[in-house]
Amino acid sequence: MLVDDGQIIVLGGLIGDDNSSIIQKVPLPGGLPFIGDFFKYQFCASNRTNLMIFLRPTVIPDN
């Protein structure tokens, strides 16, 4: 990689991708075969983690 003095380089990538599903239901009616879906609540969540590194090279002149 070639960059000029003082330019910014960005290195990045996906570290993690988590998916979760939570089902909550009323104890007795939630377990019934056909009408149990009316007493259930399902929640799905997605979480992504990205890593980004910013580098700014600086050339120090020789004396």
N, C-alpha and C. Protein backbone atom coordinates (compact mmCIF):
# COMPACT_ATOMS: atom_id res chain seq x y z
N MET A 1 0.84 -1.15 0.00
CA MET A 1 0.00 0.00 0.00
C MET A 1 0.90 1.24 0.00
N LEU A 2 0.65 2.14 -0.88
CA LEU A 2 1.40 3.39 -0.96
C LEU A 2 0.46 4.55 -0.64
N VAL A 3 0.91 5.41 0.25
CA VAL A 3 0.15 6.60 0.60
C VAL A 3 1.10 7.78 0.73
N ASP A 4 0.58 8.95 0.52
CA ASP A 4 1.36 10.17 0.69
C ASP A 4 1.47 10.50 2.18
N ASP A 5 2.41 11.37 2.51
CA ASP A 5 2.62 11.80 3.88
C ASP A 5 1.37 12.50 4.41
N GLY A 6 0.86 12.05 5.55
CA GLY A 6 -0.31 12.67 6.17
C GLY A 6 -1.65 12.15 5.71
N GLN A 7 -1.70 11.27 4.73
CA GLN A 7 -2.96 10.68 4.27
C GLN A 7 -3.41 9.60 5.26
N ILE A 8 -4.70 9.35 5.32
CA ILE A 8 -5.24 8.38 6.27
C ILE A 8 -5.49 7.05 5.57
N ILE A 9 -5.07 5.97 6.23
CA ILE A 9 -5.33 4.60 5.77
C ILE A 9 -6.37 4.00 6.72
N VAL A 10 -7.40 3.36 6.18
CA VAL A 10 -8.42 2.74 7.00
C VAL A 10 -8.39 1.23 6.75
N LEU A 11 -8.17 0.47 7.81
CA LEU A 11 -8.23 -0.98 7.76
C LEU A 11 -9.44 -1.41 8.55
N GLY A 12 -10.27 -2.25 7.98
CA GLY A 12 -11.47 -2.64 8.70
C GLY A 12 -11.99 -3.99 8.28
N GLY A 13 -12.86 -4.52 9.11
CA GLY A 13 -13.48 -5.80 8.79
C GLY A 13 -14.51 -6.19 9.84
N LEU A 14 -15.30 -7.18 9.50
CA LEU A 14 -16.34 -7.69 10.38
C LEU A 14 -15.73 -8.65 11.39
N ILE A 15 -15.93 -8.39 12.67
CA ILE A 15 -15.41 -9.27 13.72
C ILE A 15 -16.46 -10.29 14.15
N GLY A 16 -17.68 -9.83 14.38
CA GLY A 16 -18.71 -10.73 14.87
C GLY A 16 -20.07 -10.41 14.30
N ASP A 17 -20.89 -11.44 14.18
CA ASP A 17 -22.26 -11.30 13.70
C ASP A 17 -23.13 -12.23 14.54
N ASP A 18 -23.91 -11.66 15.47
CA ASP A 18 -24.72 -12.45 16.40
C ASP A 18 -26.20 -12.26 16.09
N ASN A 19 -26.91 -13.35 16.03
CA ASN A 19 -28.37 -13.34 15.87
C ASN A 19 -28.98 -14.05 17.05
N SER A 20 -30.05 -13.46 17.62
CA SER A 20 -30.71 -14.10 18.74
C SER A 20 -32.23 -14.02 18.55
N SER A 21 -32.90 -15.01 19.09
CA SER A 21 -34.36 -15.07 19.01
C SER A 21 -34.90 -15.41 20.40
N ILE A 22 -35.86 -14.62 20.87
CA ILE A 22 -36.44 -14.82 22.19
C ILE A 22 -37.95 -15.03 22.00
N ILE A 23 -38.47 -16.09 22.60
CA ILE A 23 -39.90 -16.37 22.54
C ILE A 23 -40.45 -16.32 23.96
N GLN A 24 -41.45 -15.46 24.17
CA GLN A 24 -42.13 -15.37 25.45
C GLN A 24 -43.58 -15.79 25.25
N LYS A 25 -44.12 -16.53 26.22
CA LYS A 25 -45.50 -16.98 26.08
C LYS A 25 -46.16 -17.07 27.44
N VAL A 26 -47.48 -17.01 27.44
CA VAL A 26 -48.26 -17.21 28.65
C VAL A 26 -48.23 -18.72 28.94
N PRO A 27 -47.94 -19.12 30.19
CA PRO A 27 -47.67 -20.53 30.49
C PRO A 27 -48.70 -21.54 29.96
N LEU A 28 -49.95 -21.42 30.28
CA LEU A 28 -50.91 -22.46 29.87
C LEU A 28 -51.44 -22.27 28.45
N PRO A 29 -51.99 -21.12 28.10
CA PRO A 29 -52.53 -20.98 26.73
C PRO A 29 -51.45 -20.95 25.65
N GLY A 30 -50.24 -20.55 25.99
CA GLY A 30 -49.18 -20.48 25.00
C GLY A 30 -48.73 -21.84 24.50
N GLY A 31 -49.05 -22.89 25.22
CA GLY A 31 -48.65 -24.24 24.82
C GLY A 31 -49.71 -24.98 24.02
N LEU A 32 -50.86 -24.40 23.82
CA LEU A 32 -51.92 -25.06 23.05
C LEU A 32 -51.58 -25.06 21.56
N PRO A 33 -51.94 -26.14 20.83
CA PRO A 33 -51.52 -26.30 19.44
C PRO A 33 -51.95 -25.19 18.48
N PHE A 34 -53.20 -24.82 18.42
CA PHE A 34 -53.66 -23.90 17.38
C PHE A 34 -53.81 -22.46 17.87
N ILE A 35 -54.36 -22.28 19.05
CA ILE A 35 -54.57 -20.92 19.53
C ILE A 35 -53.40 -20.41 20.38
N GLY A 36 -52.38 -21.22 20.55
CA GLY A 36 -51.23 -20.82 21.36
C GLY A 36 -50.44 -19.67 20.76
N ASP A 37 -50.48 -19.51 19.44
CA ASP A 37 -49.75 -18.42 18.79
C ASP A 37 -50.28 -17.04 19.17
N PHE A 38 -51.55 -16.97 19.60
CA PHE A 38 -52.11 -15.69 20.02
C PHE A 38 -51.57 -15.25 21.39
N PHE A 39 -50.96 -16.18 22.11
CA PHE A 39 -50.44 -15.89 23.44
C PHE A 39 -48.91 -15.93 23.49
N LYS A 40 -48.28 -15.79 22.32
CA LYS A 40 -46.82 -15.82 22.23
C LYS A 40 -46.31 -14.51 21.67
N TYR A 41 -45.07 -14.19 22.03
CA TYR A 41 -44.38 -13.01 21.50
C TYR A 41 -42.97 -13.45 21.12
N GLN A 42 -42.56 -13.19 19.88
CA GLN A 42 -41.23 -13.56 19.42
C GLN A 42 -40.46 -12.31 19.03
N PHE A 43 -39.22 -12.22 19.52
CA PHE A 43 -38.36 -11.07 19.26
C PHE A 43 -37.06 -11.56 18.66
N CYS A 44 -36.67 -11.01 17.51
CA CYS A 44 -35.41 -11.38 16.85
C CYS A 44 -34.50 -10.14 16.83
N ALA A 45 -33.23 -10.36 17.18
CA ALA A 45 -32.27 -9.25 17.20
C ALA A 45 -31.00 -9.66 16.48
N SER A 46 -30.39 -8.70 15.82
CA SER A 46 -29.14 -8.93 15.11
C SER A 46 -28.12 -7.89 15.58
N ASN A 47 -26.91 -8.34 15.86
CA ASN A 47 -25.86 -7.46 16.36
C ASN A 47 -24.58 -7.73 15.58
N ARG A 48 -24.02 -6.69 14.98
CA ARG A 48 -22.77 -6.82 14.23
C ARG A 48 -21.69 -5.97 14.89
N THR A 49 -20.47 -6.51 14.91
CA THR A 49 -19.33 -5.79 15.47
C THR A 49 -18.28 -5.61 14.39
N ASN A 50 -17.90 -4.38 14.15
CA ASN A 50 -16.89 -4.05 13.15
C ASN A 50 -15.67 -3.46 13.83
N LEU A 51 -14.50 -3.77 13.30
CA LEU A 51 -13.25 -3.19 13.77
C LEU A 51 -12.70 -2.31 12.67
N MET A 52 -12.39 -1.05 13.01
CA MET A 52 -11.80 -0.13 12.04
C MET A 52 -10.56 0.49 12.67
N ILE A 53 -9.45 0.45 11.95
CA ILE A 53 -8.19 1.01 12.40
C ILE A 53 -7.82 2.14 11.44
N PHE A 54 -7.59 3.33 11.98
CA PHE A 54 -7.21 4.50 11.19
C PHE A 54 -5.73 4.77 11.43
N LEU A 55 -4.95 4.80 10.36
CA LEU A 55 -3.52 5.08 10.45
C LEU A 55 -3.20 6.31 9.64
N ARG A 56 -2.36 7.20 10.19
CA ARG A 56 -1.90 8.38 9.48
C ARG A 56 -0.37 8.39 9.52
N PRO A 57 0.28 7.91 8.47
CA PRO A 57 1.74 7.89 8.47
C PRO A 57 2.32 9.30 8.32
N THR A 58 3.40 9.55 9.05
CA THR A 58 4.08 10.84 8.99
C THR A 58 5.57 10.57 8.75
N VAL A 59 6.11 11.21 7.72
CA VAL A 59 7.53 11.07 7.40
C VAL A 59 8.30 12.13 8.20
N ILE A 60 9.28 11.66 8.99
CA ILE A 60 10.10 12.58 9.78
C ILE A 60 11.40 12.82 9.00
N PRO A 61 11.67 14.07 8.64
CA PRO A 61 12.86 14.35 7.83
C PRO A 61 14.15 14.16 8.65
N ASP A 62 15.22 13.77 7.94
CA ASP A 62 16.54 13.58 8.56
C ASP A 62 17.23 14.94 8.72
N ASN A 63 17.95 15.13 9.82
CA ASN A 63 18.70 16.38 10.01
C ASN A 63 20.07 16.28 9.40
